[in-house]
């Protein structure tokens, strides 16, 4: 709601009201409860069975020929919620509250199953709990921004780890490496092994990024310590194990605790989900676009665990993900709702 308790005039349908309310409800990872309650209330108002499970997922089971699912959480960031010229501004409007709201509306309209999962932006705890707690649906569509006429079929996987090393303290004039130098040497070798090809598609390459670094003399003064958090994105041509072995091969001191491994996914454009989406997009006046994304999403977990066709879809420009300019055109949201509502009959 706005400060006066009124929604803007452009928020003139039930679908837009749900979208506006969810974007107006902060839901960074770990703090999704209020948004989950609003989502559950929407299903209850339409007579659907709904509950919040042990980890906080919003579960609304129904016709399992199609499961619509997206994530409730967003990354942190306070973007003032506003509607200007039929465009909604606010954190999550694109990633992924827009797709989430569109799928909730379509699930109520069509009677298919729905789950709003928690923790996607952090550890995917909602998706991991879901695949261990229920059987596979016949087909699955994951909510992520693709543009209302885009269909995402591929995501790279991810390997995340923490490098730890300690060496004896000594005068900085000594020639032998300390732990910090070993850490730098290891990561430099990893980056060289996966050096990017500026002429090749990023989706088809391994991308190596350090995400956190700490180092220095220990509190007791007896050692030099180094810790580095790293992430490697894994294309379908590689396996997570292959990338791990290649990175470990360059260790010359220290160890790496690999704590997260998500395999890549690349779905066929000929699955029932992809064909159905193409037909629904054309029926809504669009020309379908087939996409591959360089990041990782919950759909990687679903595709790795469940033997069913999957794809990702949702309104919004994914280049706005996590940015301070996150915004969604309301007419694009409306078109996505129409596509999603048309989809089940096409499967």
C-alpha atoms as a PDB file:
ATOM      1  CA  UNK A   1       0.000   0.000   0.000  1.00  0.00           C
ATOM      2  CA  UNK A   2       0.975   3.651  -0.336  1.00  0.00           C
ATOM      3  CA  UNK A   3       1.395   5.893   2.689  1.00  0.00           C
ATOM      4  CA  UNK A   4      -2.272   6.856   2.430  1.00  0.00           C
ATOM      5  CA  UNK A   5      -3.359   3.216   2.395  1.00  0.00           C
ATOM      6  CA  UNK A   6      -4.507   3.403  -1.236  1.00  0.00           C
ATOM      7  CA  UNK A   7      -3.121   1.592  -4.244  1.00  0.00           C
ATOM      8  CA  UNK A   8      -2.304   3.724  -7.308  1.00  0.00           C
ATOM      9  CA  UNK A   9      -5.078   4.111  -9.899  1.00  0.00           C
ATOM     10  CA  UNK A  10      -3.206   1.924 -12.415  1.00  0.00           C
ATOM     11  CA  UNK A  11      -3.446  -0.996  -9.993  1.00  0.00           C
ATOM     12  CA  UNK A  12      -6.971  -1.688 -11.183  1.00  0.00           C
ATOM     13  CA  UNK A  13      -7.240  -5.485 -11.407  1.00  0.00           C
ATOM     14  CA  UNK A  14      -6.954  -8.252  -8.840  1.00  0.00           C
ATOM     15  CA  UNK A  15      -3.789  -9.518 -10.533  1.00  0.00           C
ATOM     16  CA  UNK A  16      -2.144  -6.101 -10.367  1.00  0.00           C
ATOM     17  CA  UNK A  17      -3.257  -5.700  -6.752  1.00  0.00           C
ATOM     18  CA  UNK A  18      -1.502  -8.928  -5.810  1.00  0.00           C
ATOM     19  CA  UNK A  19       1.637  -7.848  -7.660  1.00  0.00           C
ATOM     20  CA  UNK A  20       1.641  -4.396  -6.044  1.00  0.00           C
ATOM     21  CA  UNK A  21       1.052  -5.756  -2.547  1.00  0.00           C
ATOM     22  CA  UNK A  22       3.836  -8.332  -2.860  1.00  0.00           C
ATOM     23  CA  UNK A  23       6.340  -5.810  -4.211  1.00  0.00           C
ATOM     24  CA  UNK A  24       5.324  -3.472  -1.374  1.00  0.00           C
ATOM     25  CA  UNK A  25       6.098  -6.204   1.185  1.00  0.00           C
ATOM     26  CA  UNK A  26       9.859  -6.531   1.808  1.00  0.00           C
ATOM     27  CA  UNK A  27      10.936 -10.162   1.460  1.00  0.00           C
ATOM     28  CA  UNK A  28      14.724 -10.539   1.416  1.00  0.00           C
ATOM     29  CA  UNK A  29      15.940 -14.116   1.890  1.00  0.00           C
ATOM     30  CA  UNK A  30      15.132 -15.259   5.417  1.00  0.00           C
ATOM     31  CA  UNK A  31      12.400 -12.653   5.848  1.00  0.00           C
ATOM     32  CA  UNK A  32       9.720 -13.943   3.490  1.00  0.00           C
ATOM     33  CA  UNK A  33       6.946 -14.593   6.057  1.00  0.00           C
ATOM     34  CA  UNK A  34       4.844 -11.471   5.442  1.00  0.00           C
ATOM     35  CA  UNK A  35       4.912 -11.896   1.669  1.00  0.00           C
ATOM     36  CA  UNK A  36       4.141 -15.615   2.033  1.00  0.00           C
ATOM     37  CA  UNK A  37       1.119 -14.770   4.176  1.00  0.00           C
ATOM     38  CA  UNK A  38      -0.190 -12.339   1.531  1.00  0.00           C
ATOM     39  CA  UNK A  39       0.285 -14.981  -1.147  1.00  0.00           C
ATOM     40  CA  UNK A  40      -1.476 -17.642   0.921  1.00  0.00           C
ATOM     41  CA  UNK A  41      -4.368 -15.250   1.587  1.00  0.00           C
ATOM     42  CA  UNK A  42      -4.832 -14.827  -2.166  1.00  0.00           C
ATOM     43  CA  UNK A  43      -5.307 -18.584  -2.602  1.00  0.00           C
ATOM     44  CA  UNK A  44      -7.584 -18.823   0.433  1.00  0.00           C
ATOM     45  CA  UNK A  45      -9.791 -16.059  -0.963  1.00  0.00           C
ATOM     46  CA  UNK A  46     -10.299 -18.192  -4.060  1.00  0.00           C
ATOM     47  CA  UNK A  47     -11.160 -21.351  -2.150  1.00  0.00           C
ATOM     48  CA  UNK A  48      -7.871 -23.125  -2.815  1.00  0.00           C
ATOM     49  CA  UNK A  49      -6.154 -25.428  -0.353  1.00  0.00           C
ATOM     50  CA  UNK A  50      -2.961 -23.705   0.779  1.00  0.00           C
ATOM     51  CA  UNK A  51      -0.449 -23.917   3.606  1.00  0.00           C
ATOM     52  CA  UNK A  52       3.070 -22.866   4.580  1.00  0.00           C
ATOM     53  CA  UNK A  53       5.364 -25.873   4.970  1.00  0.00           C
ATOM     54  CA  UNK A  54       8.235 -26.427   7.417  1.00  0.00           C
ATOM     55  CA  UNK A  55      10.659 -24.105   5.630  1.00  0.00           C
ATOM     56  CA  UNK A  56       8.093 -21.438   4.714  1.00  0.00           C
ATOM     57  CA  UNK A  57       7.160 -22.443   1.169  1.00  0.00           C
ATOM     58  CA  UNK A  58       3.616 -21.504   0.081  1.00  0.00           C
ATOM     59  CA  UNK A  59       2.058 -24.782  -1.078  1.00  0.00           C
ATOM     60  CA  UNK A  60      -1.197 -24.807  -3.094  1.00  0.00           C
ATOM     61  CA  UNK A  61      -1.517 -28.285  -4.662  1.00  0.00           C
ATOM     62  CA  UNK A  62      -4.139 -29.015  -7.309  1.00  0.00           C
ATOM     63  CA  UNK A  63      -3.910 -30.369 -10.874  1.00  0.00           C
ATOM     64  CA  UNK A  64      -0.358 -31.713 -11.031  1.00  0.00           C
ATOM     65  CA  UNK A  65      -0.254 -31.894 -14.820  1.00  0.00           C
ATOM     66  CA  UNK A  66       1.571 -28.587 -14.389  1.00  0.00           C
ATOM     67  CA  UNK A  67       3.372 -27.114 -11.385  1.00  0.00           C
ATOM     68  CA  UNK A  68       3.900 -23.357 -11.468  1.00  0.00           C
ATOM     69  CA  UNK A  69       6.605 -22.271  -9.055  1.00  0.00           C
ATOM     70  CA  UNK A  70       8.653 -19.159  -8.374  1.00  0.00           C
ATOM     71  CA  UNK A  71      10.540 -17.694  -5.443  1.00  0.00           C
ATOM     72  CA  UNK A  72       9.104 -15.429  -2.753  1.00  0.00           C
ATOM     73  CA  UNK A  73      12.419 -13.946  -1.645  1.00  0.00           C
ATOM     74  CA  UNK A  74      14.362 -11.063  -3.149  1.00  0.00           C
ATOM     75  CA  UNK A  75      17.853  -9.717  -2.694  1.00  0.00           C
ATOM     76  CA  UNK A  76      18.169  -6.854  -0.189  1.00  0.00           C
ATOM     77  CA  UNK A  77      17.694  -3.299  -1.383  1.00  0.00           C
ATOM     78  CA  UNK A  78      15.207  -0.569  -0.620  1.00  0.00           C
ATOM     79  CA  UNK A  79      13.709   0.754  -3.868  1.00  0.00           C
ATOM     80  CA  UNK A  80      10.718   3.046  -3.159  1.00  0.00           C
ATOM     81  CA  UNK A  81       7.577   1.370  -4.511  1.00  0.00           C
ATOM     82  CA  UNK A  82       5.840   3.556  -7.064  1.00  0.00           C
ATOM     83  CA  UNK A  83       3.748   3.344 -10.225  1.00  0.00           C
ATOM     84  CA  UNK A  84       4.662   5.878 -12.892  1.00  0.00           C
ATOM     85  CA  UNK A  85       3.293   5.784 -16.446  1.00  0.00           C
ATOM     86  CA  UNK A  86       1.991   2.214 -16.011  1.00  0.00           C
ATOM     87  CA  UNK A  87       5.386   1.007 -14.751  1.00  0.00           C
ATOM     88  CA  UNK A  88       5.828  -0.508 -11.286  1.00  0.00           C
ATOM     89  CA  UNK A  89       9.099   0.287  -9.524  1.00  0.00           C
ATOM     90  CA  UNK A  90      10.298  -1.687  -6.511  1.00  0.00           C
ATOM     91  CA  UNK A  91      12.625  -4.426  -5.318  1.00  0.00           C
ATOM     92  CA  UNK A  92      11.456  -7.771  -6.684  1.00  0.00           C
ATOM     93  CA  UNK A  93       9.240  -6.370  -9.414  1.00  0.00           C
ATOM     94  CA  UNK A  94      11.400  -8.277 -11.893  1.00  0.00           C
ATOM     95  CA  UNK A  95      13.269 -10.870  -9.803  1.00  0.00           C
ATOM     96  CA  UNK A  96      11.047 -12.593  -9.161  1.00  0.00           C
ATOM     97  CA  UNK A  97       7.882 -11.128  -7.623  1.00  0.00           C
ATOM     98  CA  UNK A  98       6.532 -10.291 -11.069  1.00  0.00           C
ATOM     99  CA  UNK A  99       6.748 -13.918 -12.259  1.00  0.00           C
ATOM    100  CA  UNK A 100       5.568 -15.121  -8.821  1.00  0.00           C
ATOM    101  CA  UNK A 101       2.391 -13.018  -8.876  1.00  0.00           C
ATOM    102  CA  UNK A 102       1.649 -13.880 -12.509  1.00  0.00           C
ATOM    103  CA  UNK A 103       1.938 -17.598 -11.738  1.00  0.00           C
ATOM    104  CA  UNK A 104      -0.264 -17.334  -8.640  1.00  0.00           C
ATOM    105  CA  UNK A 105      -2.998 -15.647 -10.661  1.00  0.00           C
ATOM    106  CA  UNK A 106      -2.717 -18.234 -13.457  1.00  0.00           C
ATOM    107  CA  UNK A 107      -2.781 -21.124 -10.979  1.00  0.00           C
ATOM    108  CA  UNK A 108      -6.060 -19.839  -9.500  1.00  0.00           C
ATOM    109  CA  UNK A 109      -7.536 -19.258 -12.963  1.00  0.00           C
ATOM    110  CA  UNK A 110      -6.608 -22.696 -14.319  1.00  0.00           C
ATOM    111  CA  UNK A 111      -6.595 -24.948 -11.254  1.00  0.00           C
ATOM    112  CA  UNK A 112      -3.000 -26.166 -11.594  1.00  0.00           C
ATOM    113  CA  UNK A 113      -0.546 -26.671  -8.738  1.00  0.00           C
ATOM    114  CA  UNK A 114       1.499 -23.812  -7.325  1.00  0.00           C
ATOM    115  CA  UNK A 115       4.425 -23.378  -4.937  1.00  0.00           C
ATOM    116  CA  UNK A 116       6.093 -20.156  -3.851  1.00  0.00           C
ATOM    117  CA  UNK A 117       9.524 -21.174  -2.572  1.00  0.00           C
ATOM    118  CA  UNK A 118      11.844 -19.392  -0.149  1.00  0.00           C
ATOM    119  CA  UNK A 119      15.576 -18.821  -0.128  1.00  0.00           C
ATOM    120  CA  UNK A 120      16.337 -18.925  -3.849  1.00  0.00           C
ATOM    121  CA  UNK A 121      18.616 -15.919  -3.685  1.00  0.00           C
ATOM    122  CA  UNK A 122      20.680 -17.460  -0.890  1.00  0.00           C
ATOM    123  CA  UNK A 123      20.751 -21.256  -0.641  1.00  0.00           C
ATOM    124  CA  UNK A 124      17.644 -22.536  -2.499  1.00  0.00           C
ATOM    125  CA  UNK A 125      16.443 -24.130   0.728  1.00  0.00           C
ATOM    126  CA  UNK A 126      12.817 -23.944  -0.448  1.00  0.00           C
ATOM    127  CA  UNK A 127      13.454 -25.790  -3.699  1.00  0.00           C
ATOM    128  CA  UNK A 128      15.702 -28.352  -2.016  1.00  0.00           C
ATOM    129  CA  UNK A 129      13.017 -29.052   0.561  1.00  0.00           C
ATOM    130  CA  UNK A 130      10.332 -29.310  -2.119  1.00  0.00           C
ATOM    131  CA  UNK A 131      12.074 -31.952  -4.247  1.00  0.00           C
ATOM    132  CA  UNK A 132      12.596 -34.092  -1.150  1.00  0.00           C
ATOM    133  CA  UNK A 133       9.039 -33.673   0.074  1.00  0.00           C
ATOM    134  CA  UNK A 134       6.853 -34.488  -2.917  1.00  0.00           C
ATOM    135  CA  UNK A 135       6.781 -36.453  -6.156  1.00  0.00           C
ATOM    136  CA  UNK A 136       7.554 -34.918  -9.513  1.00  0.00           C
ATOM    137  CA  UNK A 137       4.707 -33.181 -11.356  1.00  0.00           C
ATOM    138  CA  UNK A 138       3.960 -34.091 -14.965  1.00  0.00           C
ATOM    139  CA  UNK A 139       5.515 -30.796 -16.093  1.00  0.00           C
ATOM    140  CA  UNK A 140       7.067 -27.794 -14.356  1.00  0.00           C
ATOM    141  CA  UNK A 141       7.397 -24.125 -15.175  1.00  0.00           C
ATOM    142  CA  UNK A 142       9.753 -22.055 -13.046  1.00  0.00           C
ATOM    143  CA  UNK A 143       9.122 -18.338 -12.588  1.00  0.00           C
ATOM    144  CA  UNK A 144      12.084 -16.129 -13.539  1.00  0.00           C
ATOM    145  CA  UNK A 145      12.155 -13.014 -15.711  1.00  0.00           C
ATOM    146  CA  UNK A 146      12.482 -13.793 -19.407  1.00  0.00           C
ATOM    147  CA  UNK A 147      10.298 -11.070 -20.886  1.00  0.00           C
ATOM    148  CA  UNK A 148       6.672 -11.955 -21.578  1.00  0.00           C
ATOM    149  CA  UNK A 149       7.627 -13.460 -24.957  1.00  0.00           C
ATOM    150  CA  UNK A 150      10.811 -15.214 -23.817  1.00  0.00           C
ATOM    151  CA  UNK A 151      11.301 -18.857 -22.792  1.00  0.00           C
ATOM    152  CA  UNK A 152      14.435 -19.767 -20.837  1.00  0.00           C
ATOM    153  CA  UNK A 153      15.623 -23.309 -21.541  1.00  0.00           C
ATOM    154  CA  UNK A 154      19.160 -23.249 -20.159  1.00  0.00           C
ATOM    155  CA  UNK A 155      20.991 -22.177 -17.001  1.00  0.00           C
ATOM    156  CA  UNK A 156      24.599 -22.746 -16.078  1.00  0.00           C
ATOM    157  CA  UNK A 157      25.294 -24.677 -12.905  1.00  0.00           C
ATOM    158  CA  UNK A 158      27.322 -23.470  -9.953  1.00  0.00           C
ATOM    159  CA  UNK A 159      30.153 -24.740  -7.771  1.00  0.00           C
ATOM    160  CA  UNK A 160      30.864 -22.742  -4.617  1.00  0.00           C
ATOM    161  CA  UNK A 161      33.651 -23.259  -2.114  1.00  0.00           C
ATOM    162  CA  UNK A 162      35.890 -21.719   0.520  1.00  0.00           C
ATOM    163  CA  UNK A 163      39.674 -21.890   0.269  1.00  0.00           C
ATOM    164  CA  UNK A 164      41.500 -21.947   3.641  1.00  0.00           C
ATOM    165  CA  UNK A 165      45.238 -21.907   4.286  1.00  0.00           C
ATOM    166  CA  UNK A 166      47.662 -20.993   7.072  1.00  0.00           C
ATOM    167  CA  UNK A 167      51.440 -20.687   7.025  1.00  0.00           C
ATOM    168  CA  UNK A 168      54.040 -19.946   9.682  1.00  0.00           C
ATOM    169  CA  UNK A 169      54.491 -16.257  10.373  1.00  0.00           C
ATOM    170  CA  UNK A 170      57.819 -14.714   9.481  1.00  0.00           C
ATOM    171  CA  UNK A 171      59.468 -11.544   8.312  1.00  0.00           C
ATOM    172  CA  UNK A 172      58.081 -10.213   5.075  1.00  0.00           C
ATOM    173  CA  UNK A 173      61.604 -10.200   3.602  1.00  0.00           C
ATOM    174  CA  UNK A 174      61.651 -14.015   3.511  1.00  0.00           C
ATOM    175  CA  UNK A 175      61.431 -15.411  -0.051  1.00  0.00           C
ATOM    176  CA  UNK A 176      59.086 -18.360   0.523  1.00  0.00           C
ATOM    177  CA  UNK A 177      55.363 -17.960  -0.045  1.00  0.00           C
ATOM    178  CA  UNK A 178      53.027 -17.258   2.811  1.00  0.00           C
ATOM    179  CA  UNK A 179      49.394 -18.384   2.865  1.00  0.00           C
ATOM    180  CA  UNK A 180      48.202 -15.235   1.123  1.00  0.00           C
ATOM    181  CA  UNK A 181      50.594 -15.772  -1.768  1.00  0.00           C
ATOM    182  CA  UNK A 182      49.527 -19.416  -2.058  1.00  0.00           C
ATOM    183  CA  UNK A 183      45.891 -18.332  -2.187  1.00  0.00           C
ATOM    184  CA  UNK A 184      46.649 -15.794  -4.917  1.00  0.00           C
ATOM    185  CA  UNK A 185      48.695 -18.345  -6.853  1.00  0.00           C
ATOM    186  CA  UNK A 186      45.946 -20.950  -6.669  1.00  0.00           C
ATOM    187  CA  UNK A 187      43.221 -18.606  -7.804  1.00  0.00           C
ATOM    188  CA  UNK A 188      45.370 -17.161 -10.582  1.00  0.00           C
ATOM    189  CA  UNK A 189      45.924 -20.696 -11.878  1.00  0.00           C
ATOM    190  CA  UNK A 190      42.192 -21.431 -11.729  1.00  0.00           C
ATOM    191  CA  UNK A 191      41.394 -18.249 -13.655  1.00  0.00           C
ATOM    192  CA  UNK A 192      44.038 -19.117 -16.245  1.00  0.00           C
ATOM    193  CA  UNK A 193      42.589 -22.634 -16.608  1.00  0.00           C
ATOM    194  CA  UNK A 194      39.160 -21.201 -17.316  1.00  0.00           C
ATOM    195  CA  UNK A 195      40.281 -18.116 -19.199  1.00  0.00           C
ATOM    196  CA  UNK A 196      37.325 -16.660 -21.054  1.00  0.00           C
ATOM    197  CA  UNK A 197      37.054 -16.658 -24.819  1.00  0.00           C
ATOM    198  CA  UNK A 198      35.878 -13.189 -25.824  1.00  0.00           C
ATOM    199  CA  UNK A 199      34.531 -14.589 -29.100  1.00  0.00           C
ATOM    200  CA  UNK A 200      32.586 -17.466 -27.550  1.00  0.00           C
ATOM    201  CA  UNK A 201      29.180 -17.383 -25.826  1.00  0.00           C
ATOM    202  CA  UNK A 202      29.491 -16.826 -22.071  1.00  0.00           C
ATOM    203  CA  UNK A 203      26.850 -19.528 -21.525  1.00  0.00           C
ATOM    204  CA  UNK A 204      29.242 -22.139 -22.922  1.00  0.00           C
ATOM    205  CA  UNK A 205      32.197 -21.174 -20.718  1.00  0.00           C
ATOM    206  CA  UNK A 206      33.216 -21.707 -17.100  1.00  0.00           C
ATOM    207  CA  UNK A 207      33.243 -18.391 -15.239  1.00  0.00           C
ATOM    208  CA  UNK A 208      35.410 -18.187 -12.098  1.00  0.00           C
ATOM    209  CA  UNK A 209      34.801 -15.425  -9.548  1.00  0.00           C
ATOM    210  CA  UNK A 210      36.150 -14.762  -6.057  1.00  0.00           C
ATOM    211  CA  UNK A 211      33.319 -13.494  -3.859  1.00  0.00           C
ATOM    212  CA  UNK A 212      35.066 -12.897  -0.515  1.00  0.00           C
ATOM    213  CA  UNK A 213      38.690 -12.585   0.645  1.00  0.00           C
ATOM    214  CA  UNK A 214      40.234 -12.328   4.121  1.00  0.00           C
ATOM    215  CA  UNK A 215      43.856 -12.637   5.180  1.00  0.00           C
ATOM    216  CA  UNK A 216      46.608 -11.500   7.475  1.00  0.00           C
ATOM    217  CA  UNK A 217      48.527 -12.380  10.602  1.00  0.00           C
ATOM    218  CA  UNK A 218      46.577 -14.476  13.113  1.00  0.00           C
ATOM    219  CA  UNK A 219      45.580 -12.896  16.464  1.00  0.00           C
ATOM    220  CA  UNK A 220      48.325 -14.823  18.261  1.00  0.00           C
ATOM    221  CA  UNK A 221      50.947 -13.654  15.763  1.00  0.00           C
ATOM    222  CA  UNK A 222      52.138 -17.180  14.981  1.00  0.00           C
ATOM    223  CA  UNK A 223      50.723 -17.673  11.491  1.00  0.00           C
ATOM    224  CA  UNK A 224      49.568 -15.972   8.317  1.00  0.00           C
ATOM    225  CA  UNK A 225      46.032 -16.956   7.319  1.00  0.00           C
ATOM    226  CA  UNK A 226      44.085 -16.686   4.081  1.00  0.00           C
ATOM    227  CA  UNK A 227      40.433 -17.419   3.334  1.00  0.00           C
ATOM    228  CA  UNK A 228      38.755 -16.972  -0.033  1.00  0.00           C
ATOM    229  CA  UNK A 229      35.153 -17.625  -1.060  1.00  0.00           C
ATOM    230  CA  UNK A 230      34.846 -18.622  -4.717  1.00  0.00           C
ATOM    231  CA  UNK A 231      32.142 -19.451  -7.226  1.00  0.00           C
ATOM    232  CA  UNK A 232      32.455 -21.140 -10.595  1.00  0.00           C
ATOM    233  CA  UNK A 233      29.584 -21.199 -13.082  1.00  0.00           C
ATOM    234  CA  UNK A 234      29.344 -24.482 -14.949  1.00  0.00           C
ATOM    235  CA  UNK A 235      28.104 -24.766 -18.573  1.00  0.00           C
ATOM    236  CA  UNK A 236      26.289 -27.882 -19.840  1.00  0.00           C
ATOM    237  CA  UNK A 237      29.425 -29.099 -21.618  1.00  0.00           C
ATOM    238  CA  UNK A 238      31.029 -29.590 -18.193  1.00  0.00           C
ATOM    239  CA  UNK A 239      29.955 -31.446 -15.090  1.00  0.00           C
ATOM    240  CA  UNK A 240      30.308 -29.966 -11.625  1.00  0.00           C
ATOM    241  CA  UNK A 241      32.747 -32.777 -10.757  1.00  0.00           C
ATOM    242  CA  UNK A 242      34.914 -31.955 -13.785  1.00  0.00           C
ATOM    243  CA  UNK A 243      35.184 -28.313 -12.721  1.00  0.00           C
ATOM    244  CA  UNK A 244      35.940 -29.275  -9.114  1.00  0.00           C
ATOM    245  CA  UNK A 245      38.733 -31.640 -10.193  1.00  0.00           C
ATOM    246  CA  UNK A 246      40.233 -29.003 -12.483  1.00  0.00           C
ATOM    247  CA  UNK A 247      40.255 -26.409  -9.684  1.00  0.00           C
ATOM    248  CA  UNK A 248      41.676 -28.838  -7.107  1.00  0.00           C
ATOM    249  CA  UNK A 249      44.478 -29.806  -9.477  1.00  0.00           C
ATOM    250  CA  UNK A 250      46.047 -26.370  -9.046  1.00  0.00           C
ATOM    251  CA  UNK A 251      46.231 -26.438  -5.242  1.00  0.00           C
ATOM    252  CA  UNK A 252      49.797 -25.922  -4.010  1.00  0.00           C
ATOM    253  CA  UNK A 253      48.901 -25.330  -0.375  1.00  0.00           C
ATOM    254  CA  UNK A 254      45.678 -24.983   1.525  1.00  0.00           C
ATOM    255  CA  UNK A 255      42.395 -26.792   1.037  1.00  0.00           C
ATOM    256  CA  UNK A 256      38.994 -26.005  -0.457  1.00  0.00           C
ATOM    257  CA  UNK A 257      35.714 -26.934   1.188  1.00  0.00           C
ATOM    258  CA  UNK A 258      33.260 -27.221  -1.692  1.00  0.00           C
ATOM    259  CA  UNK A 259      29.887 -26.602  -0.074  1.00  0.00           C
ATOM    260  CA  UNK A 260      27.439 -26.050  -2.921  1.00  0.00           C
ATOM    261  CA  UNK A 261      27.153 -27.876  -6.228  1.00  0.00           C
ATOM    262  CA  UNK A 262      24.271 -27.316  -8.657  1.00  0.00           C
ATOM    263  CA  UNK A 263      24.439 -28.972 -12.093  1.00  0.00           C
ATOM    264  CA  UNK A 264      23.682 -27.054 -15.288  1.00  0.00           C
ATOM    265  CA  UNK A 265      20.442 -27.541 -17.206  1.00  0.00           C
ATOM    266  CA  UNK A 266      19.666 -27.292 -20.913  1.00  0.00           C
ATOM    267  CA  UNK A 267      16.152 -28.355 -21.924  1.00  0.00           C
ATOM    268  CA  UNK A 268      14.970 -29.189 -25.438  1.00  0.00           C
ATOM    269  CA  UNK A 269      12.767 -26.637 -27.225  1.00  0.00           C
ATOM    270  CA  UNK A 270      10.558 -29.563 -28.244  1.00  0.00           C
ATOM    271  CA  UNK A 271       9.248 -30.479 -24.785  1.00  0.00           C
ATOM    272  CA  UNK A 272       5.502 -30.053 -24.153  1.00  0.00           C
ATOM    273  CA  UNK A 273       6.232 -27.059 -21.888  1.00  0.00           C
ATOM    274  CA  UNK A 274       8.334 -25.234 -24.478  1.00  0.00           C
ATOM    275  CA  UNK A 275       5.893 -25.991 -27.305  1.00  0.00           C
ATOM    276  CA  UNK A 276       2.934 -24.929 -25.183  1.00  0.00           C
ATOM    277  CA  UNK A 277       4.609 -21.655 -24.230  1.00  0.00           C
ATOM    278  CA  UNK A 278       5.435 -20.860 -27.846  1.00  0.00           C
ATOM    279  CA  UNK A 279       1.800 -21.375 -28.810  1.00  0.00           C
ATOM    280  CA  UNK A 280       0.510 -19.289 -25.906  1.00  0.00           C
ATOM    281  CA  UNK A 281       2.920 -16.437 -26.683  1.00  0.00           C
ATOM    282  CA  UNK A 282       1.905 -16.385 -30.336  1.00  0.00           C
ATOM    283  CA  UNK A 283      -1.769 -16.427 -29.343  1.00  0.00           C
ATOM    284  CA  UNK A 284      -1.106 -13.337 -27.217  1.00  0.00           C
ATOM    285  CA  UNK A 285       0.437 -11.537 -30.197  1.00  0.00           C
ATOM    286  CA  UNK A 286       4.122 -12.158 -29.545  1.00  0.00           C
ATOM    287  CA  UNK A 287       7.030 -13.822 -31.310  1.00  0.00           C
ATOM    288  CA  UNK A 288       8.635 -16.392 -28.952  1.00  0.00           C
ATOM    289  CA  UNK A 289      12.318 -16.056 -28.060  1.00  0.00           C
ATOM    290  CA  UNK A 290      14.357 -18.994 -26.762  1.00  0.00           C
ATOM    291  CA  UNK A 291      16.896 -17.990 -24.117  1.00  0.00           C
ATOM    292  CA  UNK A 292      19.884 -19.345 -22.188  1.00  0.00           C
ATOM    293  CA  UNK A 293      20.998 -17.634 -18.978  1.00  0.00           C
ATOM    294  CA  UNK A 294      24.492 -17.461 -17.575  1.00  0.00           C
ATOM    295  CA  UNK A 295      23.362 -17.651 -13.937  1.00  0.00           C
ATOM    296  CA  UNK A 296      21.804 -20.438 -11.873  1.00  0.00           C
ATOM    297  CA  UNK A 297      18.223 -20.836 -10.614  1.00  0.00           C
ATOM    298  CA  UNK A 298      15.966 -23.229  -8.730  1.00  0.00           C
ATOM    299  CA  UNK A 299      15.055 -24.897 -12.028  1.00  0.00           C
ATOM    300  CA  UNK A 300      18.538 -26.474 -12.011  1.00  0.00           C
ATOM    301  CA  UNK A 301      17.553 -28.327  -8.829  1.00  0.00           C
ATOM    302  CA  UNK A 302      14.172 -29.387 -10.200  1.00  0.00           C
ATOM    303  CA  UNK A 303      15.613 -30.636 -13.488  1.00  0.00           C
ATOM    304  CA  UNK A 304      18.360 -32.570 -11.704  1.00  0.00           C
ATOM    305  CA  UNK A 305      15.932 -34.324  -9.338  1.00  0.00           C
ATOM    306  CA  UNK A 306      12.636 -34.725 -11.182  1.00  0.00           C
ATOM    307  CA  UNK A 307      12.186 -36.540 -14.470  1.00  0.00           C
ATOM    308  CA  UNK A 308       9.765 -34.093 -16.069  1.00  0.00           C
ATOM    309  CA  UNK A 309       9.977 -31.372 -18.718  1.00  0.00           C
ATOM    310  CA  UNK A 310      10.883 -27.941 -17.350  1.00  0.00           C
ATOM    311  CA  UNK A 311      11.366 -24.379 -18.531  1.00  0.00           C
ATOM    312  CA  UNK A 312      11.526 -20.917 -16.974  1.00  0.00           C
ATOM    313  CA  UNK A 313       9.271 -17.996 -17.820  1.00  0.00           C
ATOM    314  CA  UNK A 314       8.075 -14.694 -16.447  1.00  0.00           C
ATOM    315  CA  UNK A 315       7.611 -11.013 -17.162  1.00  0.00           C
ATOM    316  CA  UNK A 316      10.456  -8.566 -16.734  1.00  0.00           C
ATOM    317  CA  UNK A 317      13.842  -7.641 -18.143  1.00  0.00           C
ATOM    318  CA  UNK A 318      16.411  -9.855 -16.437  1.00  0.00           C
ATOM    319  CA  UNK A 319      19.158  -7.258 -16.977  1.00  0.00           C
ATOM    320  CA  UNK A 320      17.407  -5.332 -14.165  1.00  0.00           C
ATOM    321  CA  UNK A 321      17.832  -8.207 -11.672  1.00  0.00           C
ATOM    322  CA  UNK A 322      19.353  -6.999  -8.380  1.00  0.00           C
ATOM    323  CA  UNK A 323      19.818  -3.433  -9.685  1.00  0.00           C
ATOM    324  CA  UNK A 324      18.608  -0.160  -8.121  1.00  0.00           C
ATOM    325  CA  UNK A 325      16.511   0.435 -11.278  1.00  0.00           C
ATOM    326  CA  UNK A 326      14.325  -2.662 -10.973  1.00  0.00           C
ATOM    327  CA  UNK A 327      10.925  -2.017 -12.580  1.00  0.00           C
ATOM    328  CA  UNK A 328       8.207  -3.821 -14.520  1.00  0.00           C
ATOM    329  CA  UNK A 329       5.740  -2.517 -17.090  1.00  0.00           C
ATOM    330  CA  UNK A 330       2.229  -3.449 -15.976  1.00  0.00           C
ATOM    331  CA  UNK A 331       1.069  -4.276 -19.497  1.00  0.00           C
ATOM    332  CA  UNK A 332       3.924  -6.805 -19.754  1.00  0.00           C
ATOM    333  CA  UNK A 333       2.753  -8.356 -16.496  1.00  0.00           C
ATOM    334  CA  UNK A 334      -0.788  -8.579 -17.900  1.00  0.00           C
ATOM    335  CA  UNK A 335       0.454 -10.287 -21.063  1.00  0.00           C
ATOM    336  CA  UNK A 336       2.431 -12.823 -19.018  1.00  0.00           C
ATOM    337  CA  UNK A 337      -0.687 -13.650 -17.007  1.00  0.00           C
ATOM    338  CA  UNK A 338      -2.560 -14.311 -20.279  1.00  0.00           C
ATOM    339  CA  UNK A 339       0.230 -16.579 -21.543  1.00  0.00           C
ATOM    340  CA  UNK A 340       0.360 -18.542 -18.283  1.00  0.00           C
ATOM    341  CA  UNK A 341      -3.424 -18.883 -18.146  1.00  0.00           C
ATOM    342  CA  UNK A 342      -3.467 -20.219 -21.716  1.00  0.00           C
ATOM    343  CA  UNK A 343      -0.609 -22.671 -21.171  1.00  0.00           C
ATOM    344  CA  UNK A 344      -2.283 -25.598 -19.312  1.00  0.00           C
ATOM    345  CA  UNK A 345      -4.755 -26.259 -22.139  1.00  0.00           C
ATOM    346  CA  UNK A 346      -1.852 -26.496 -24.571  1.00  0.00           C
ATOM    347  CA  UNK A 347       0.090 -29.162 -22.664  1.00  0.00           C
END
